[in-house]
Amino acid sequence: MPGGAKAACLPRKGMAILGAAILCLLFWFLVLNDFFMDTPQTSVSRRKGNDAWQCYDQVKSAIALVAMTLENRETGEVLEIPIGTAFAVSPDTFVTNAHVAFSLTKRSLWARLIENMANQENLSVDEFLQSFNGDEMEDLWEELRRVCRISRVELRINGTGESFPVSQVLAHPNYGMCENEYQNGLYDVAKMKIRGRVKTHFQVATKRELHALREGQAIASAGFPMEGTMLNLNEHNPVASFADGKIRRLTNAQGTDAGKENNRMIDHSIPAAGGSSGSPIFNQDGKVVAVLWGTAVAAMLDGNGARITSGTLNNFAVRIDQAEDIHENEMLPLEQWTEQ
């Protein structure tokens, strides 16, 4: 096609496939790429055998599905998108992954819309962007700004039907500063404030208990795995999936034994999939010790982000004390956070 004709039709083409790209977002968010009553108990007695995780009954209503509502300003249509998992550490504060929090920003949203539009045209992202001249690219960005709006973010409590709007968000200040994904995992934590108060929240393990973590120790987790699971998740009244496993390795971000204070990276055998991001990892006393952030991937199936997880069942978490670096007095209002 001659260059002039191509230039004339591309903006219309980009806008025509924008609606389809927004719908395709649902698939991407599904593969994303992670507690006690107000007077906390000090412990929950342990039992052997099938009762080893009796603490779960007391803590499961402290786990929530992170859900974002995306609105098309032109048509008024809304799309509710499940993002990942979060868990309460106080009546109004939840912990999740930094990458879950950044999924709620316009920068992330637009990047995924561009990726989906490129997939619609069977092009790589670079090829798709190169097909636009400067004015056309500016028109496309303006269309994204005009049409797409993140209208709401909610935390939907496991098994209760309760929902709380998110009011403030902040990720670890060092997230995204490292050379690779595993090293970034050391900072893959964020906090969310809600409007309202939950009845149940996690008790965080003490420094002494965190330093006593060991290879082979039994741990468990619960969240909302969606990628490749065929689970029938009810987004408005979600029910979390429980799984247990063991600690496989304790290291620093470079994969070396750096001692009790600095071994904040936890490799474990708890099953995980996209949607589990931000899930709590807790011990048999029901105290949270870590935040699940990733799973080992053996291969990518296609350009849409579908993955084959590693058969080693070696998944990743960051110790919960990394969240101490997120200061609640610095948290941003949700509206300001999403504008990034």
C-alpha atoms as a PDB file:
ATOM      1  CA  MET A   1       0.000   0.000   0.000  1.00  0.00           C
ATOM      2  CA  PRO A   2       1.422   3.472  -0.839  1.00  0.00           C
ATOM      3  CA  GLY A   3       2.820   5.393   2.072  1.00  0.00           C
ATOM      4  CA  GLY A   4       0.224   8.199   1.921  1.00  0.00           C
ATOM      5  CA  ALA A   5      -2.725   5.799   1.952  1.00  0.00           C
ATOM      6  CA  LYS A   6      -1.230   3.855   4.831  1.00  0.00           C
ATOM      7  CA  ALA A   7      -0.722   6.995   6.870  1.00  0.00           C
ATOM      8  CA  ALA A   8      -4.296   8.079   6.294  1.00  0.00           C
ATOM      9  CA  CYS A   9      -5.914   4.832   7.458  1.00  0.00           C
ATOM     10  CA  LEU A  10      -3.745   3.900  10.423  1.00  0.00           C
ATOM     11  CA  PRO A  11      -5.314   6.208  13.020  1.00  0.00           C
ATOM     12  CA  ARG A  12      -8.782   4.899  12.212  1.00  0.00           C
ATOM     13  CA  LYS A  13      -7.402   1.384  12.264  1.00  0.00           C
ATOM     14  CA  GLY A  14      -5.813   1.949  15.653  1.00  0.00           C
ATOM     15  CA  MET A  15      -9.053   3.276  17.102  1.00  0.00           C
ATOM     16  CA  ALA A  16     -11.094   0.485  15.551  1.00  0.00           C
ATOM     17  CA  ILE A  17      -9.064  -2.210  17.259  1.00  0.00           C
ATOM     18  CA  LEU A  18      -8.870  -0.335  20.566  1.00  0.00           C
ATOM     19  CA  GLY A  19     -12.162  -1.795  21.772  1.00  0.00           C
ATOM     20  CA  ALA A  20     -11.029  -5.332  21.000  1.00  0.00           C
ATOM     21  CA  ALA A  21      -7.723  -4.654  22.705  1.00  0.00           C
ATOM     22  CA  ILE A  22      -9.501  -3.548  25.881  1.00  0.00           C
ATOM     23  CA  LEU A  23     -11.444  -6.794  25.935  1.00  0.00           C
ATOM     24  CA  CYS A  24      -8.219  -8.734  25.447  1.00  0.00           C
ATOM     25  CA  LEU A  25      -6.916  -7.119  28.634  1.00  0.00           C
ATOM     26  CA  LEU A  26      -8.945  -9.617  30.615  1.00  0.00           C
ATOM     27  CA  PHE A  27      -6.687 -12.409  29.397  1.00  0.00           C
ATOM     28  CA  TRP A  28      -3.504 -10.537  30.261  1.00  0.00           C
ATOM     29  CA  PHE A  29      -4.601  -9.675  33.770  1.00  0.00           C
ATOM     30  CA  LEU A  30      -5.491 -13.312  34.353  1.00  0.00           C
ATOM     31  CA  VAL A  31      -1.889 -14.308  33.610  1.00  0.00           C
ATOM     32  CA  LEU A  32      -0.188 -11.735  35.773  1.00  0.00           C
ATOM     33  CA  ASN A  33       2.558 -11.911  35.884  1.00  0.00           C
ATOM     34  CA  ASP A  34       1.972 -12.009  44.627  1.00  0.00           C
ATOM     35  CA  PHE A  35      -4.535 -11.849  60.779  1.00  0.00           C
ATOM     36  CA  PHE A  36      -6.545 -12.328  63.461  1.00  0.00           C
ATOM     37  CA  MET A  37      -9.395 -10.417  65.089  1.00  0.00           C
ATOM     38  CA  ASP A  38      -8.681  -6.864  66.222  1.00  0.00           C
ATOM     39  CA  THR A  39      -7.187  -8.271  69.444  1.00  0.00           C
ATOM     40  CA  PRO A  40      -4.605 -10.677  67.967  1.00  0.00           C
ATOM     41  CA  GLN A  41      -3.901 -14.059  69.446  1.00  0.00           C
ATOM     42  CA  THR A  42      -0.305 -14.866  70.171  1.00  0.00           C
ATOM     43  CA  SER A  43      -0.536 -18.313  68.574  1.00  0.00           C
ATOM     44  CA  VAL A  44      -2.778 -21.093  67.363  1.00  0.00           C
ATOM     45  CA  SER A  45      -2.084 -24.532  68.776  1.00  0.00           C
ATOM     46  CA  ARG A  46      -0.678 -27.000  66.269  1.00  0.00           C
ATOM     47  CA  ARG A  47      -2.041 -30.437  65.594  1.00  0.00           C
ATOM     48  CA  LYS A  48      -0.705 -33.301  63.599  1.00  0.00           C
ATOM     49  CA  GLY A  49      -2.091 -34.831  60.448  1.00  0.00           C
ATOM     50  CA  ASN A  50      -5.137 -33.307  58.795  1.00  0.00           C
ATOM     51  CA  ASP A  51      -5.444 -30.615  61.478  1.00  0.00           C
ATOM     52  CA  ALA A  52      -1.984 -29.158  60.823  1.00  0.00           C
ATOM     53  CA  TRP A  53      -3.516 -26.079  59.210  1.00  0.00           C
ATOM     54  CA  GLN A  54      -6.480 -25.464  61.473  1.00  0.00           C
ATOM     55  CA  CYS A  55      -5.295 -21.856  61.720  1.00  0.00           C
ATOM     56  CA  TYR A  56      -6.584 -21.288  58.181  1.00  0.00           C
ATOM     57  CA  ASP A  57     -10.176 -21.137  59.376  1.00  0.00           C
ATOM     58  CA  GLN A  58      -9.240 -18.155  61.530  1.00  0.00           C
ATOM     59  CA  VAL A  59      -7.274 -16.237  58.915  1.00  0.00           C
ATOM     60  CA  LYS A  60      -8.925 -16.939  55.553  1.00  0.00           C
ATOM     61  CA  SER A  61     -11.247 -13.921  55.702  1.00  0.00           C
ATOM     62  CA  ALA A  62      -8.152 -11.671  55.783  1.00  0.00           C
ATOM     63  CA  ILE A  63      -7.418 -12.572  52.129  1.00  0.00           C
ATOM     64  CA  ALA A  64      -8.858 -10.527  49.259  1.00  0.00           C
ATOM     65  CA  LEU A  65      -9.082 -10.458  45.488  1.00  0.00           C
ATOM     66  CA  VAL A  66      -7.730  -7.239  43.949  1.00  0.00           C
ATOM     67  CA  ALA A  67     -10.224  -6.165  41.266  1.00  0.00           C
ATOM     68  CA  MET A  68     -10.026  -3.167  38.924  1.00  0.00           C
ATOM     69  CA  THR A  69     -12.915  -1.603  37.032  1.00  0.00           C
ATOM     70  CA  LEU A  70     -11.997  -0.158  33.634  1.00  0.00           C
ATOM     71  CA  GLU A  71     -14.449   2.231  31.979  1.00  0.00           C
ATOM     72  CA  ASN A  72     -14.814   3.209  28.331  1.00  0.00           C
ATOM     73  CA  ARG A  73     -15.744   6.898  28.504  1.00  0.00           C
ATOM     74  CA  GLU A  74     -17.236   6.879  24.992  1.00  0.00           C
ATOM     75  CA  THR A  75     -19.614   3.950  25.359  1.00  0.00           C
ATOM     76  CA  GLY A  76     -20.044   3.831  29.128  1.00  0.00           C
ATOM     77  CA  GLU A  77     -19.107   0.151  29.088  1.00  0.00           C
ATOM     78  CA  VAL A  78     -17.187  -1.193  32.069  1.00  0.00           C
ATOM     79  CA  LEU A  79     -14.879  -4.166  32.368  1.00  0.00           C
ATOM     80  CA  GLU A  80     -14.118  -5.685  35.766  1.00  0.00           C
ATOM     81  CA  ILE A  81     -10.673  -7.238  35.802  1.00  0.00           C
ATOM     82  CA  PRO A  82      -9.268  -9.486  38.560  1.00  0.00           C
ATOM     83  CA  ILE A  83      -5.651  -8.515  39.145  1.00  0.00           C
ATOM     84  CA  GLY A  84      -4.201 -10.612  41.957  1.00  0.00           C
ATOM     85  CA  THR A  85      -4.297 -11.235  45.704  1.00  0.00           C
ATOM     86  CA  ALA A  86      -3.820  -9.085  48.813  1.00  0.00           C
ATOM     87  CA  PHE A  87      -4.095  -9.730  52.557  1.00  0.00           C
ATOM     88  CA  ALA A  88      -4.860  -7.627  55.613  1.00  0.00           C
ATOM     89  CA  VAL A  89      -2.167  -6.851  58.192  1.00  0.00           C
ATOM     90  CA  SER A  90      -4.349  -4.382  60.101  1.00  0.00           C
ATOM     91  CA  PRO A  91      -8.044  -3.490  59.975  1.00  0.00           C
ATOM     92  CA  ASP A  92      -7.479  -1.019  57.110  1.00  0.00           C
ATOM     93  CA  THR A  93      -4.117  -1.990  55.552  1.00  0.00           C
ATOM     94  CA  PHE A  94      -3.405  -4.758  53.058  1.00  0.00           C
ATOM     95  CA  VAL A  95      -0.133  -6.062  51.609  1.00  0.00           C
ATOM     96  CA  THR A  96       0.283  -7.268  48.032  1.00  0.00           C
ATOM     97  CA  ASN A  97       2.974  -7.278  45.337  1.00  0.00           C
ATOM     98  CA  ALA A  98       4.470  -4.154  43.824  1.00  0.00           C
ATOM     99  CA  HIS A  99       3.763  -5.556  40.366  1.00  0.00           C
ATOM    100  CA  VAL A 100       0.094  -5.945  41.312  1.00  0.00           C
ATOM    101  CA  ALA A 101       0.012  -2.314  42.464  1.00  0.00           C
ATOM    102  CA  PHE A 102       1.684  -1.086  39.268  1.00  0.00           C
ATOM    103  CA  SER A 103      -0.893  -2.987  37.206  1.00  0.00           C
ATOM    104  CA  LEU A 104      -3.304  -0.314  38.421  1.00  0.00           C
ATOM    105  CA  THR A 105      -1.433   2.550  36.706  1.00  0.00           C
ATOM    106  CA  LYS A 106      -2.216   4.086  33.323  1.00  0.00           C
ATOM    107  CA  ARG A 107       1.338   3.439  32.180  1.00  0.00           C
ATOM    108  CA  SER A 108       0.883  -0.291  32.662  1.00  0.00           C
ATOM    109  CA  LEU A 109      -2.642  -0.232  31.252  1.00  0.00           C
ATOM    110  CA  TRP A 110      -1.628   1.585  28.065  1.00  0.00           C
ATOM    111  CA  ALA A 111       1.405  -0.636  27.562  1.00  0.00           C
ATOM    112  CA  ARG A 112      -0.842  -3.689  27.631  1.00  0.00           C
ATOM    113  CA  LEU A 113      -3.391  -2.080  25.339  1.00  0.00           C
ATOM    114  CA  ILE A 114      -0.613  -1.390  22.820  1.00  0.00           C
ATOM    115  CA  GLU A 115       0.586  -4.979  23.168  1.00  0.00           C
ATOM    116  CA  ASN A 116      -2.907  -6.305  22.542  1.00  0.00           C
ATOM    117  CA  MET A 117      -3.409  -4.041  19.531  1.00  0.00           C
ATOM    118  CA  ALA A 118      -0.123  -5.305  18.111  1.00  0.00           C
ATOM    119  CA  ASN A 119      -1.257  -8.890  18.638  1.00  0.00           C
ATOM    120  CA  GLN A 120      -4.479  -8.090  16.773  1.00  0.00           C
ATOM    121  CA  GLU A 121      -2.325  -7.153  13.777  1.00  0.00           C
ATOM    122  CA  ASN A 122       0.079 -10.101  14.201  1.00  0.00           C
ATOM    123  CA  LEU A 123       2.923  -7.659  14.789  1.00  0.00           C
ATOM    124  CA  SER A 124       5.487  -7.238  17.505  1.00  0.00           C
ATOM    125  CA  VAL A 125       5.054  -4.144  19.673  1.00  0.00           C
ATOM    126  CA  ASP A 126       8.032  -2.467  17.978  1.00  0.00           C
ATOM    127  CA  GLU A 127       6.661  -3.224  14.520  1.00  0.00           C
ATOM    128  CA  PHE A 128       3.247  -1.902  15.481  1.00  0.00           C
ATOM    129  CA  LEU A 129       4.614   1.355  16.893  1.00  0.00           C
ATOM    130  CA  GLN A 130       6.916   1.875  13.911  1.00  0.00           C
ATOM    131  CA  SER A 131       3.900   1.769  11.591  1.00  0.00           C
ATOM    132  CA  PHE A 132       2.741   5.098  13.064  1.00  0.00           C
ATOM    133  CA  ASN A 133       4.366   8.418  12.284  1.00  0.00           C
ATOM    134  CA  GLY A 134       4.812  11.006  15.024  1.00  0.00           C
ATOM    135  CA  ASP A 135       1.422  12.695  14.635  1.00  0.00           C
ATOM    136  CA  GLU A 136      -0.390   9.347  14.425  1.00  0.00           C
ATOM    137  CA  MET A 137       1.351   8.121  17.566  1.00  0.00           C
ATOM    138  CA  GLU A 138       0.297  11.230  19.445  1.00  0.00           C
ATOM    139  CA  ASP A 139      -3.277  10.716  18.228  1.00  0.00           C
ATOM    140  CA  LEU A 140      -3.196   7.152  19.535  1.00  0.00           C
ATOM    141  CA  TRP A 141      -1.951   8.216  22.985  1.00  0.00           C
ATOM    142  CA  GLU A 142      -4.629  10.912  23.092  1.00  0.00           C
ATOM    143  CA  GLU A 143      -7.278   8.325  22.206  1.00  0.00           C
ATOM    144  CA  LEU A 144      -6.094   6.087  25.036  1.00  0.00           C
ATOM    145  CA  ARG A 145      -6.212   8.993  27.487  1.00  0.00           C
ATOM    146  CA  ARG A 146      -9.683  10.014  26.339  1.00  0.00           C
ATOM    147  CA  VAL A 147     -11.334   6.594  26.186  1.00  0.00           C
ATOM    148  CA  CYS A 148      -9.810   4.549  29.020  1.00  0.00           C
ATOM    149  CA  ARG A 149     -10.420   5.320  32.678  1.00  0.00           C
ATOM    150  CA  ILE A 150      -9.624   3.274  35.772  1.00  0.00           C
ATOM    151  CA  SER A 151     -12.770   4.086  37.691  1.00  0.00           C
ATOM    152  CA  ARG A 152     -12.471   1.848  40.747  1.00  0.00           C
ATOM    153  CA  VAL A 153     -10.210  -0.592  42.590  1.00  0.00           C
ATOM    154  CA  GLU A 154     -11.700  -2.918  45.194  1.00  0.00           C
ATOM    155  CA  LEU A 155     -10.543  -5.601  47.579  1.00  0.00           C
ATOM    156  CA  ARG A 156     -13.124  -8.394  47.635  1.00  0.00           C
ATOM    157  CA  ILE A 157     -12.888 -10.488  50.763  1.00  0.00           C
ATOM    158  CA  ASN A 158     -12.477 -14.244  50.510  1.00  0.00           C
ATOM    159  CA  GLY A 159     -15.748 -16.100  51.024  1.00  0.00           C
ATOM    160  CA  THR A 160     -17.757 -13.275  52.604  1.00  0.00           C
ATOM    161  CA  GLY A 161     -19.110 -11.227  49.699  1.00  0.00           C
ATOM    162  CA  GLU A 162     -17.744  -8.056  51.334  1.00  0.00           C
ATOM    163  CA  SER A 163     -15.966  -5.485  49.189  1.00  0.00           C
ATOM    164  CA  PHE A 164     -13.843  -2.499  50.221  1.00  0.00           C
ATOM    165  CA  PRO A 165     -12.715   0.327  47.914  1.00  0.00           C
ATOM    166  CA  VAL A 166      -8.992   1.031  47.844  1.00  0.00           C
ATOM    167  CA  SER A 167      -8.151   4.584  48.897  1.00  0.00           C
ATOM    168  CA  GLN A 168      -4.320   4.678  48.955  1.00  0.00           C
ATOM    169  CA  VAL A 169      -1.452   2.729  47.387  1.00  0.00           C
ATOM    170  CA  LEU A 170       2.330   2.651  47.625  1.00  0.00           C
ATOM    171  CA  ALA A 171       4.945   0.182  46.376  1.00  0.00           C
ATOM    172  CA  HIS A 172       8.431  -0.455  47.761  1.00  0.00           C
ATOM    173  CA  PRO A 173      10.672   2.450  46.670  1.00  0.00           C
ATOM    174  CA  ASN A 174      13.335   0.108  45.260  1.00  0.00           C
ATOM    175  CA  TYR A 175      11.039  -1.996  43.085  1.00  0.00           C
ATOM    176  CA  GLY A 176      12.113  -1.936  39.438  1.00  0.00           C
ATOM    177  CA  MET A 177      15.675  -0.825  40.217  1.00  0.00           C
ATOM    178  CA  CYS A 178      17.343  -4.229  39.848  1.00  0.00           C
ATOM    179  CA  GLU A 179      18.835  -5.937  36.816  1.00  0.00           C
ATOM    180  CA  ASN A 180      16.548  -8.952  36.616  1.00  0.00           C
ATOM    181  CA  GLU A 181      13.137 -10.164  37.723  1.00  0.00           C
ATOM    182  CA  TYR A 182      14.440 -12.389  40.515  1.00  0.00           C
ATOM    183  CA  GLN A 183      16.409  -9.565  42.117  1.00  0.00           C
ATOM    184  CA  ASN A 184      13.410  -7.243  41.780  1.00  0.00           C
ATOM    185  CA  GLY A 185      11.495  -9.869  43.721  1.00  0.00           C
ATOM    186  CA  LEU A 186      13.301  -8.696  46.841  1.00  0.00           C
ATOM    187  CA  TYR A 187      11.273  -5.461  46.635  1.00  0.00           C
ATOM    188  CA  ASP A 188       8.058  -6.845  45.139  1.00  0.00           C
ATOM    189  CA  VAL A 189       5.804  -5.629  47.951  1.00  0.00           C
ATOM    190  CA  ALA A 190       3.195  -2.893  48.200  1.00  0.00           C
ATOM    191  CA  LYS A 191       0.571  -1.653  50.631  1.00  0.00           C
ATOM    192  CA  MET A 192      -3.047  -0.647  50.060  1.00  0.00           C
ATOM    193  CA  LYS A 193      -5.332   1.294  52.375  1.00  0.00           C
ATOM    194  CA  ILE A 194      -9.075   0.689  52.231  1.00  0.00           C
ATOM    195  CA  ARG A 195     -12.135   2.728  53.113  1.00  0.00           C
ATOM    196  CA  GLY A 196     -13.654   0.854  56.016  1.00  0.00           C
ATOM    197  CA  ARG A 197     -12.265  -1.796  58.332  1.00  0.00           C
ATOM    198  CA  VAL A 198     -12.068  -5.579  58.084  1.00  0.00           C
ATOM    199  CA  LYS A 199     -12.815  -7.832  61.042  1.00  0.00           C
ATOM    200  CA  THR A 200      -9.861 -10.182  60.533  1.00  0.00           C
ATOM    201  CA  HIS A 201      -6.225  -9.525  59.767  1.00  0.00           C
ATOM    202  CA  PHE A 202      -2.943 -11.402  59.807  1.00  0.00           C
ATOM    203  CA  GLN A 203      -0.525 -11.248  62.667  1.00  0.00           C
ATOM    204  CA  VAL A 204       2.940 -10.679  61.218  1.00  0.00           C
ATOM    205  CA  ALA A 205       5.692 -13.007  62.426  1.00  0.00           C
ATOM    206  CA  THR A 206       8.205 -11.432  64.777  1.00  0.00           C
ATOM    207  CA  LYS A 207      11.780 -10.699  63.760  1.00  0.00           C
ATOM    208  CA  ARG A 208      12.892 -13.650  65.857  1.00  0.00           C
ATOM    209  CA  GLU A 209      10.440 -15.962  64.090  1.00  0.00           C
ATOM    210  CA  LEU A 210      11.522 -14.692  60.674  1.00  0.00           C
ATOM    211  CA  HIS A 211      15.192 -15.258  61.501  1.00  0.00           C
ATOM    212  CA  ALA A 212      14.322 -18.809  62.603  1.00  0.00           C
ATOM    213  CA  LEU A 213      12.845 -19.810  59.215  1.00  0.00           C
ATOM    214  CA  ARG A 214      14.586 -22.895  57.836  1.00  0.00           C
ATOM    215  CA  GLU A 215      14.722 -25.160  54.810  1.00  0.00           C
ATOM    216  CA  GLY A 216      12.115 -27.904  55.043  1.00  0.00           C
ATOM    217  CA  GLN A 217       9.788 -25.872  57.263  1.00  0.00           C
ATOM    218  CA  ALA A 218       6.080 -26.337  56.541  1.00  0.00           C
ATOM    219  CA  ILE A 219       4.319 -23.247  55.184  1.00  0.00           C
ATOM    220  CA  ALA A 220       0.995 -22.576  53.478  1.00  0.00           C
ATOM    221  CA  SER A 221      -0.672 -19.963  51.321  1.00  0.00           C
ATOM    222  CA  ALA A 222      -4.057 -19.012  49.883  1.00  0.00           C
ATOM    223  CA  GLY A 223      -5.010 -16.747  47.018  1.00  0.00           C
ATOM    224  CA  PHE A 224      -6.675 -16.608  43.633  1.00  0.00           C
ATOM    225  CA  PRO A 225      -4.663 -18.532  41.000  1.00  0.00           C
ATOM    226  CA  MET A 226      -6.300 -18.118  37.596  1.00  0.00           C
ATOM    227  CA  GLU A 227      -3.741 -18.769  34.895  1.00  0.00           C
ATOM    228  CA  GLY A 228      -4.255 -22.207  33.348  1.00  0.00           C
ATOM    229  CA  THR A 229      -6.230 -23.509  36.322  1.00  0.00           C
ATOM    230  CA  MET A 230      -9.775 -23.648  34.843  1.00  0.00           C
ATOM    231  CA  LEU A 231     -11.031 -22.566  38.272  1.00  0.00           C
ATOM    232  CA  ASN A 232     -14.505 -21.050  38.299  1.00  0.00           C
ATOM    233  CA  LEU A 233     -13.658 -17.815  40.105  1.00  0.00           C
ATOM    234  CA  ASN A 234     -16.649 -15.746  41.169  1.00  0.00           C
ATOM    235  CA  GLU A 235     -15.192 -12.252  40.921  1.00  0.00           C
ATOM    236  CA  HIS A 236     -17.887 -10.716  43.167  1.00  0.00           C
ATOM    237  CA  ASN A 237     -17.758 -13.345  45.911  1.00  0.00           C
ATOM    238  CA  PRO A 238     -14.361 -15.017  45.428  1.00  0.00           C
ATOM    239  CA  VAL A 239     -13.234 -18.135  47.264  1.00  0.00           C
ATOM    240  CA  ALA A 240      -9.480 -18.522  47.716  1.00  0.00           C
ATOM    241  CA  SER A 241      -7.508 -21.676  46.985  1.00  0.00           C
ATOM    242  CA  PHE A 242      -5.443 -23.072  49.874  1.00  0.00           C
ATOM    243  CA  ALA A 243      -2.154 -24.896  49.275  1.00  0.00           C
ATOM    244  CA  ASP A 244       0.741 -25.919  51.488  1.00  0.00           C
ATOM    245  CA  GLY A 245       4.362 -26.792  50.898  1.00  0.00           C
ATOM    246  CA  LYS A 246       7.822 -26.312  52.346  1.00  0.00           C
ATOM    247  CA  ILE A 247      10.617 -23.790  52.283  1.00  0.00           C
ATOM    248  CA  ARG A 248      13.185 -24.984  49.752  1.00  0.00           C
ATOM    249  CA  ARG A 249      15.841 -22.279  49.997  1.00  0.00           C
ATOM    250  CA  LEU A 250      16.632 -19.094  51.947  1.00  0.00           C
ATOM    251  CA  THR A 251      18.986 -16.584  50.290  1.00  0.00           C
ATOM    252  CA  ASN A 252      19.541 -12.959  49.457  1.00  0.00           C
ATOM    253  CA  ALA A 253      18.685 -11.546  46.007  1.00  0.00           C
ATOM    254  CA  GLN A 254      21.993 -12.815  44.604  1.00  0.00           C
ATOM    255  CA  GLY A 255      21.153 -16.386  45.557  1.00  0.00           C
ATOM    256  CA  THR A 256      23.746 -16.697  48.313  1.00  0.00           C
ATOM    257  CA  ASP A 257      23.456 -17.454  52.017  1.00  0.00           C
ATOM    258  CA  ALA A 258      23.773 -13.994  53.566  1.00  0.00           C
ATOM    259  CA  GLY A 259      22.715 -14.835  57.124  1.00  0.00           C
ATOM    260  CA  LYS A 260      19.463 -14.621  59.048  1.00  0.00           C
ATOM    261  CA  GLU A 261      18.966 -10.865  58.664  1.00  0.00           C
ATOM    262  CA  ASN A 262      19.572 -10.733  54.917  1.00  0.00           C
ATOM    263  CA  ASN A 263      18.111 -14.034  53.669  1.00  0.00           C
ATOM    264  CA  ARG A 264      14.838 -12.414  52.651  1.00  0.00           C
ATOM    265  CA  MET A 265      14.246 -14.389  49.454  1.00  0.00           C
ATOM    266  CA  ILE A 266      12.281 -17.595  49.989  1.00  0.00           C
ATOM    267  CA  ASP A 267      12.065 -20.343  47.373  1.00  0.00           C
ATOM    268  CA  HIS A 268       9.230 -22.735  48.208  1.00  0.00           C
ATOM    269  CA  SER A 269       7.152 -25.640  46.901  1.00  0.00           C
ATOM    270  CA  ILE A 270       3.673 -24.117  47.279  1.00  0.00           C
ATOM    271  CA  PRO A 271       1.853 -24.323  43.917  1.00  0.00           C
ATOM    272  CA  ALA A 272       1.303 -20.930  42.275  1.00  0.00           C
ATOM    273  CA  ALA A 273      -0.051 -19.453  39.056  1.00  0.00           C
ATOM    274  CA  GLY A 274      -0.972 -16.064  37.636  1.00  0.00           C
ATOM    275  CA  GLY A 275      -3.442 -14.468  40.056  1.00  0.00           C
ATOM    276  CA  SER A 276      -1.597 -15.844  43.116  1.00  0.00           C
ATOM    277  CA  SER A 277       0.644 -12.780  43.115  1.00  0.00           C
ATOM    278  CA  GLY A 278       0.409 -11.045  46.481  1.00  0.00           C
ATOM    279  CA  SER A 279      -0.792 -14.105  48.395  1.00  0.00           C
ATOM    280  CA  PRO A 280       0.247 -14.442  52.047  1.00  0.00           C
ATOM    281  CA  ILE A 281       2.578 -17.249  53.071  1.00  0.00           C
ATOM    282  CA  PHE A 282       2.053 -18.226  56.686  1.00  0.00           C
ATOM    283  CA  ASN A 283       3.353 -20.721  59.243  1.00  0.00           C
ATOM    284  CA  GLN A 284       1.379 -23.264  61.280  1.00  0.00           C
ATOM    285  CA  ASP A 285       0.668 -20.605  63.909  1.00  0.00           C
ATOM    286  CA  GLY A 286      -1.169 -18.593  61.237  1.00  0.00           C
ATOM    287  CA  LYS A 287       1.455 -15.827  61.238  1.00  0.00           C
ATOM    288  CA  VAL A 288       2.398 -14.373  57.869  1.00  0.00           C
ATOM    289  CA  VAL A 289       6.100 -14.800  57.035  1.00  0.00           C
ATOM    290  CA  ALA A 290       6.302 -13.875  53.346  1.00  0.00           C
ATOM    291  CA  VAL A 291       4.526 -12.571  50.223  1.00  0.00           C
ATOM    292  CA  LEU A 292       4.312 -14.807  47.152  1.00  0.00           C
ATOM    293  CA  TRP A 293       5.521 -12.968  44.050  1.00  0.00           C
ATOM    294  CA  GLY A 294       6.460 -15.415  41.298  1.00  0.00           C
ATOM    295  CA  THR A 295       6.631 -18.860  39.797  1.00  0.00           C
ATOM    296  CA  ALA A 296       9.395 -20.566  37.842  1.00  0.00           C
ATOM    297  CA  VAL A 297       8.525 -20.605  34.130  1.00  0.00           C
ATOM    298  CA  ALA A 298       9.872 -23.282  31.782  1.00  0.00           C
ATOM    299  CA  ALA A 299       8.624 -21.721  28.538  1.00  0.00           C
ATOM    300  CA  MET A 300       6.322 -19.151  26.970  1.00  0.00           C
ATOM    301  CA  LEU A 301       3.591 -20.682  24.841  1.00  0.00           C
ATOM    302  CA  ASP A 302       2.856 -17.682  22.621  1.00  0.00           C
ATOM    303  CA  GLY A 303       3.098 -13.939  22.268  1.00  0.00           C
ATOM    304  CA  ASN A 304       0.045 -13.374  24.461  1.00  0.00           C
ATOM    305  CA  GLY A 305       1.908 -14.249  27.642  1.00  0.00           C
ATOM    306  CA  ALA A 306       0.694 -17.813  28.166  1.00  0.00           C
ATOM    307  CA  ARG A 307       3.279 -19.751  30.182  1.00  0.00           C
ATOM    308  CA  ILE A 308       4.323 -23.266  31.047  1.00  0.00           C
ATOM    309  CA  THR A 309       5.402 -23.461  34.668  1.00  0.00           C
ATOM    310  CA  SER A 310       8.497 -25.397  35.616  1.00  0.00           C
ATOM    311  CA  GLY A 311       8.086 -28.989  36.750  1.00  0.00           C
ATOM    312  CA  THR A 312      10.473 -28.305  39.625  1.00  0.00           C
ATOM    313  CA  LEU A 313       7.634 -26.536  41.470  1.00  0.00           C
ATOM    314  CA  ASN A 314      10.123 -23.950  42.646  1.00  0.00           C
ATOM    315  CA  ASN A 315       8.246 -20.736  43.359  1.00  0.00           C
ATOM    316  CA  PHE A 316       9.261 -17.440  44.916  1.00  0.00           C
ATOM    317  CA  ALA A 317       8.362 -15.212  47.852  1.00  0.00           C
ATOM    318  CA  VAL A 318       9.844 -12.233  49.663  1.00  0.00           C
ATOM    319  CA  ARG A 319      10.002 -12.131  53.452  1.00  0.00           C
ATOM    320  CA  ILE A 320       7.262 -10.014  55.000  1.00  0.00           C
ATOM    321  CA  ASP A 321       9.626  -7.617  56.785  1.00  0.00           C
ATOM    322  CA  GLN A 322      10.462  -6.025  53.418  1.00  0.00           C
ATOM    323  CA  ALA A 323       7.077  -4.291  53.717  1.00  0.00           C
ATOM    324  CA  GLU A 324       8.445  -2.304  56.672  1.00  0.00           C
ATOM    325  CA  ASP A 325      10.140   0.016  54.160  1.00  0.00           C
ATOM    326  CA  ILE A 326       6.743   1.167  52.868  1.00  0.00           C
ATOM    327  CA  HIS A 327       5.718   4.048  55.128  1.00  0.00           C
ATOM    328  CA  GLU A 328       1.989   4.581  55.396  1.00  0.00           C
ATOM    329  CA  ASN A 329       2.322   8.349  55.793  1.00  0.00           C
ATOM    330  CA  GLU A 330       3.801   8.454  52.257  1.00  0.00           C
ATOM    331  CA  MET A 331       1.023   6.493  50.555  1.00  0.00           C
ATOM    332  CA  LEU A 332      -0.623   8.086  47.522  1.00  0.00           C
ATOM    333  CA  PRO A 333      -4.362   8.554  46.971  1.00  0.00           C
ATOM    334  CA  LEU A 334      -5.618   5.973  44.488  1.00  0.00           C
ATOM    335  CA  GLU A 335      -6.465   8.647  41.910  1.00  0.00           C
ATOM    336  CA  GLN A 336      -2.904   9.920  42.027  1.00  0.00           C
ATOM    337  CA  TRP A 337      -1.421   6.426  41.907  1.00  0.00           C
ATOM    338  CA  THR A 338      -3.382   5.396  38.806  1.00  0.00           C
ATOM    339  CA  GLU A 339      -2.286   8.530  36.915  1.00  0.00           C
ATOM    340  CA  GLN A 340       1.324   7.318  36.770  1.00  0.00           C
END
